[in-house]
N, C-alpha and C. Protein backbone atom coordinates (compact mmCIF):
# COMPACT_ATOMS: atom_id res chain seq x y z
N MET A 1 103.32 107.55 110.97
CA MET A 1 103.96 106.92 112.08
C MET A 1 104.56 105.59 111.59
N LEU A 2 105.76 105.33 112.02
CA LEU A 2 106.47 104.11 111.65
C LEU A 2 106.22 103.03 112.69
N THR A 3 105.68 101.89 112.25
CA THR A 3 105.39 100.78 113.17
C THR A 3 105.85 99.46 112.55
N ASN A 4 105.71 98.41 113.30
CA ASN A 4 106.06 97.06 112.84
C ASN A 4 104.86 96.34 112.21
N ASP A 5 103.82 97.06 111.84
CA ASP A 5 102.61 96.44 111.29
C ASP A 5 102.89 95.59 110.04
N TYR A 6 103.82 96.02 109.22
CA TYR A 6 104.18 95.25 108.02
C TYR A 6 104.57 93.82 108.41
N TYR A 7 105.41 93.68 109.41
CA TYR A 7 105.87 92.36 109.84
C TYR A 7 104.74 91.55 110.46
N LYS A 8 103.87 92.21 111.21
CA LYS A 8 102.72 91.52 111.78
C LYS A 8 101.80 91.00 110.68
N LEU A 9 101.55 91.82 109.67
CA LEU A 9 100.69 91.39 108.57
C LEU A 9 101.29 90.20 107.83
N LEU A 10 102.59 90.23 107.60
CA LEU A 10 103.22 89.10 106.92
C LEU A 10 102.94 87.78 107.63
N LEU A 11 102.99 87.81 108.96
CA LEU A 11 102.82 86.58 109.74
C LEU A 11 101.37 86.24 110.06
N GLU A 12 100.56 87.24 110.31
CA GLU A 12 99.20 86.99 110.82
C GLU A 12 98.16 86.76 109.72
N GLU A 13 98.36 87.35 108.57
CA GLU A 13 97.39 87.17 107.48
C GLU A 13 97.71 85.90 106.71
N LYS A 14 96.69 85.36 106.07
CA LYS A 14 96.89 84.26 105.13
C LYS A 14 96.97 84.90 103.75
N TRP A 15 97.96 84.48 102.96
CA TRP A 15 98.22 85.08 101.66
C TRP A 15 98.06 84.06 100.55
N ALA A 16 97.51 84.51 99.41
CA ALA A 16 97.36 83.64 98.24
C ALA A 16 97.70 84.45 97.00
N TRP A 17 98.11 83.72 95.96
CA TRP A 17 98.40 84.40 94.70
C TRP A 17 97.15 85.12 94.21
N LYS A 18 97.30 86.34 93.76
CA LYS A 18 96.17 87.09 93.19
C LYS A 18 95.92 86.56 91.79
N LYS A 19 94.67 86.26 91.51
CA LYS A 19 94.30 85.74 90.19
C LYS A 19 93.88 86.91 89.30
N TRP A 20 94.81 87.31 88.44
CA TRP A 20 94.55 88.41 87.51
C TRP A 20 95.63 88.40 86.44
N SER A 21 95.52 89.28 85.46
CA SER A 21 96.48 89.30 84.36
C SER A 21 97.63 90.28 84.60
N GLY A 22 97.67 90.89 85.77
CA GLY A 22 98.73 91.84 86.09
C GLY A 22 99.97 91.15 86.62
N PRO A 23 100.90 91.95 87.15
CA PRO A 23 102.14 91.36 87.68
C PRO A 23 101.86 90.43 88.86
N LYS A 24 102.75 89.48 89.06
CA LYS A 24 102.56 88.51 90.14
C LYS A 24 102.58 89.20 91.49
N GLN A 25 101.56 88.89 92.29
CA GLN A 25 101.49 89.42 93.63
C GLN A 25 100.54 88.56 94.46
N PHE A 26 100.63 88.74 95.76
CA PHE A 26 99.77 88.03 96.70
C PHE A 26 98.71 88.99 97.23
N GLU A 27 97.58 88.42 97.66
CA GLU A 27 96.57 89.22 98.34
C GLU A 27 96.13 88.47 99.59
N ASP A 28 95.65 89.23 100.57
CA ASP A 28 95.19 88.56 101.79
C ASP A 28 93.91 87.79 101.48
N VAL A 29 93.79 86.63 102.05
CA VAL A 29 92.68 85.73 101.74
C VAL A 29 91.36 86.27 102.28
N SER A 30 91.39 86.88 103.46
CA SER A 30 90.14 87.28 104.12
C SER A 30 89.43 88.46 103.46
N THR A 31 90.15 89.52 103.10
CA THR A 31 89.48 90.70 102.55
C THR A 31 89.84 90.99 101.10
N LYS A 32 90.94 90.42 100.64
CA LYS A 32 91.45 90.68 99.29
C LYS A 32 91.73 92.18 99.07
N SER A 33 92.00 92.89 100.14
CA SER A 33 92.26 94.33 100.03
C SER A 33 93.72 94.70 100.26
N LEU A 34 94.53 93.72 100.71
CA LEU A 34 95.94 93.96 100.95
C LEU A 34 96.77 93.21 99.92
N MET A 35 97.94 93.76 99.61
CA MET A 35 98.79 93.16 98.59
C MET A 35 100.21 93.04 99.11
N MET A 36 100.85 91.94 98.75
CA MET A 36 102.28 91.74 99.02
C MET A 36 102.91 91.22 97.74
N LEU A 37 104.17 91.53 97.57
CA LEU A 37 104.92 91.06 96.41
C LEU A 37 105.61 89.74 96.72
N PRO A 38 106.02 89.01 95.70
CA PRO A 38 106.77 87.77 95.95
C PRO A 38 108.01 88.02 96.82
N THR A 39 108.64 89.17 96.69
CA THR A 39 109.80 89.48 97.53
C THR A 39 109.42 89.62 98.99
N ASP A 40 108.21 90.11 99.27
CA ASP A 40 107.72 90.18 100.66
C ASP A 40 107.54 88.77 101.21
N MET A 41 106.95 87.90 100.42
CA MET A 41 106.71 86.52 100.86
C MET A 41 108.01 85.77 101.09
N ALA A 42 109.05 86.13 100.35
CA ALA A 42 110.35 85.48 100.53
C ALA A 42 110.86 85.70 101.95
N LEU A 43 110.49 86.81 102.58
CA LEU A 43 110.94 87.10 103.95
C LEU A 43 110.40 86.09 104.96
N ILE A 44 109.23 85.52 104.69
CA ILE A 44 108.68 84.55 105.64
C ILE A 44 108.91 83.11 105.20
N LYS A 45 109.24 82.91 103.95
CA LYS A 45 109.51 81.54 103.48
C LYS A 45 110.95 81.12 103.74
N ASP A 46 111.87 82.05 103.75
CA ASP A 46 113.27 81.75 104.01
C ASP A 46 113.49 81.72 105.52
N LYS A 47 114.06 80.64 106.05
CA LYS A 47 114.16 80.49 107.50
C LYS A 47 115.07 81.54 108.14
N GLU A 48 116.09 82.00 107.45
CA GLU A 48 116.98 83.02 108.02
C GLU A 48 116.28 84.38 108.08
N PHE A 49 115.60 84.77 107.02
CA PHE A 49 114.87 86.04 107.02
C PHE A 49 113.70 86.00 107.99
N ARG A 50 113.03 84.85 108.05
CA ARG A 50 111.85 84.73 108.90
C ARG A 50 112.16 85.05 110.37
N LYS A 51 113.34 84.68 110.83
CA LYS A 51 113.73 84.98 112.22
C LYS A 51 113.63 86.48 112.50
N HIS A 52 114.07 87.28 111.54
CA HIS A 52 114.03 88.74 111.71
C HIS A 52 112.60 89.26 111.64
N VAL A 53 111.82 88.70 110.73
CA VAL A 53 110.41 89.10 110.63
C VAL A 53 109.71 88.82 111.96
N GLU A 54 109.94 87.66 112.54
CA GLU A 54 109.30 87.30 113.81
C GLU A 54 109.77 88.22 114.95
N ARG A 55 111.05 88.54 114.98
CA ARG A 55 111.57 89.45 116.02
C ARG A 55 110.91 90.82 115.91
N TYR A 56 110.84 91.35 114.70
CA TYR A 56 110.26 92.69 114.52
C TYR A 56 108.74 92.68 114.73
N ALA A 57 108.08 91.61 114.37
CA ALA A 57 106.63 91.53 114.58
C ALA A 57 106.30 91.53 116.08
N LYS A 58 107.16 90.93 116.88
CA LYS A 58 106.93 90.85 118.33
C LYS A 58 107.33 92.12 119.08
N ASP A 59 108.26 92.88 118.53
CA ASP A 59 108.85 93.98 119.30
C ASP A 59 108.98 95.25 118.46
N ASN A 60 107.99 96.12 118.56
CA ASN A 60 108.00 97.37 117.81
C ASN A 60 109.20 98.25 118.18
N ASP A 61 109.57 98.27 119.46
CA ASP A 61 110.71 99.09 119.89
C ASP A 61 112.01 98.61 119.24
N LEU A 62 112.21 97.31 119.15
CA LEU A 62 113.39 96.76 118.50
C LEU A 62 113.40 97.14 117.03
N PHE A 63 112.25 97.00 116.36
CA PHE A 63 112.17 97.38 114.95
C PHE A 63 112.53 98.85 114.79
N PHE A 64 111.94 99.72 115.61
CA PHE A 64 112.20 101.15 115.48
C PHE A 64 113.67 101.47 115.72
N LYS A 65 114.25 100.86 116.74
CA LYS A 65 115.67 101.10 117.05
C LYS A 65 116.56 100.69 115.89
N ASP A 66 116.35 99.49 115.37
CA ASP A 66 117.17 99.02 114.26
C ASP A 66 116.94 99.86 113.01
N PHE A 67 115.69 100.19 112.72
CA PHE A 67 115.39 101.00 111.54
C PHE A 67 116.04 102.38 111.66
N ALA A 68 115.88 103.02 112.81
CA ALA A 68 116.44 104.36 113.01
C ALA A 68 117.95 104.35 112.83
N ASP A 69 118.61 103.33 113.36
CA ASP A 69 120.06 103.24 113.25
C ASP A 69 120.50 103.11 111.79
N VAL A 70 119.89 102.19 111.07
CA VAL A 70 120.28 101.95 109.68
C VAL A 70 119.88 103.12 108.78
N PHE A 71 118.69 103.67 108.97
CA PHE A 71 118.24 104.78 108.14
C PHE A 71 119.10 106.03 108.40
N GLY A 72 119.46 106.24 109.66
CA GLY A 72 120.34 107.36 109.98
C GLY A 72 121.68 107.24 109.29
N ARG A 73 122.25 106.03 109.30
CA ARG A 73 123.53 105.82 108.61
C ARG A 73 123.39 106.06 107.11
N LEU A 74 122.25 105.66 106.54
CA LEU A 74 122.02 105.88 105.12
C LEU A 74 121.96 107.37 104.80
N LEU A 75 121.26 108.14 105.63
CA LEU A 75 121.16 109.58 105.41
C LEU A 75 122.50 110.28 105.58
N GLU A 76 123.34 109.77 106.46
CA GLU A 76 124.63 110.39 106.74
C GLU A 76 125.70 110.04 105.71
N LEU A 77 125.43 109.04 104.89
CA LEU A 77 126.41 108.56 103.92
C LEU A 77 126.90 109.70 103.03
N GLY A 78 128.18 109.99 103.12
CA GLY A 78 128.77 111.03 102.28
C GLY A 78 128.59 112.44 102.79
N VAL A 79 127.96 112.63 103.95
CA VAL A 79 127.76 113.98 104.50
C VAL A 79 129.03 114.38 105.25
N PRO A 80 129.64 115.48 104.85
CA PRO A 80 130.89 115.91 105.51
C PRO A 80 130.61 116.71 106.79
N PHE A 81 130.30 116.02 107.87
CA PHE A 81 130.06 116.70 109.14
C PHE A 81 131.35 117.36 109.62
N GLU A 82 131.22 118.53 110.24
CA GLU A 82 132.38 119.25 110.75
C GLU A 82 132.85 118.70 112.09
N LYS A 83 131.95 118.14 112.84
CA LYS A 83 132.30 117.55 114.12
C LYS A 83 131.50 116.26 114.29
N GLU A 84 131.63 115.62 115.42
CA GLU A 84 130.93 114.36 115.68
C GLU A 84 129.43 114.62 115.80
N GLU A 85 128.70 114.47 114.71
CA GLU A 85 127.26 114.68 114.68
C GLU A 85 126.61 113.46 114.03
N LYS A 86 125.33 113.29 114.28
CA LYS A 86 124.58 112.27 113.57
C LYS A 86 123.09 112.55 113.71
N PHE A 87 122.32 112.00 112.78
CA PHE A 87 120.88 112.13 112.84
C PHE A 87 120.36 111.29 114.00
N VAL A 88 119.36 111.80 114.70
CA VAL A 88 118.75 111.06 115.80
C VAL A 88 117.25 111.00 115.54
N PHE A 89 116.70 109.80 115.55
CA PHE A 89 115.27 109.60 115.36
C PHE A 89 114.66 109.21 116.69
N LYS A 90 113.53 109.81 117.00
CA LYS A 90 112.86 109.51 118.26
C LYS A 90 111.45 109.01 117.97
N SER A 91 110.99 108.12 118.82
CA SER A 91 109.61 107.65 118.67
C SER A 91 108.67 108.72 119.21
N THR A 92 107.42 108.63 118.87
CA THR A 92 106.46 109.62 119.34
C THR A 92 106.17 109.50 120.82
N THR A 93 106.61 108.40 121.42
CA THR A 93 106.37 108.22 122.85
C THR A 93 107.53 108.75 123.69
N ASP A 94 108.63 109.17 123.05
CA ASP A 94 109.78 109.72 123.80
C ASP A 94 109.54 111.16 124.21
């Protein structure tokens, strides 16, 4: 199931650099069982990206709508439809 949990975790968890010899990554402070990459953290550190993270964290329906629209366009890229067709994604509550 596709949800906005990723965005909620970015904002709600406290993140710290993981202390190890592997590639750079963050782990959640409380359980040390979750991992985020520096690119994930950039989404909340940059003020322009953070606005989108906050919007999606607050509104799962908005996230799903935007994701379905963009992902559908990606799947349709280069597909020679014979008539006006497009992929339609529905939530499990529809």
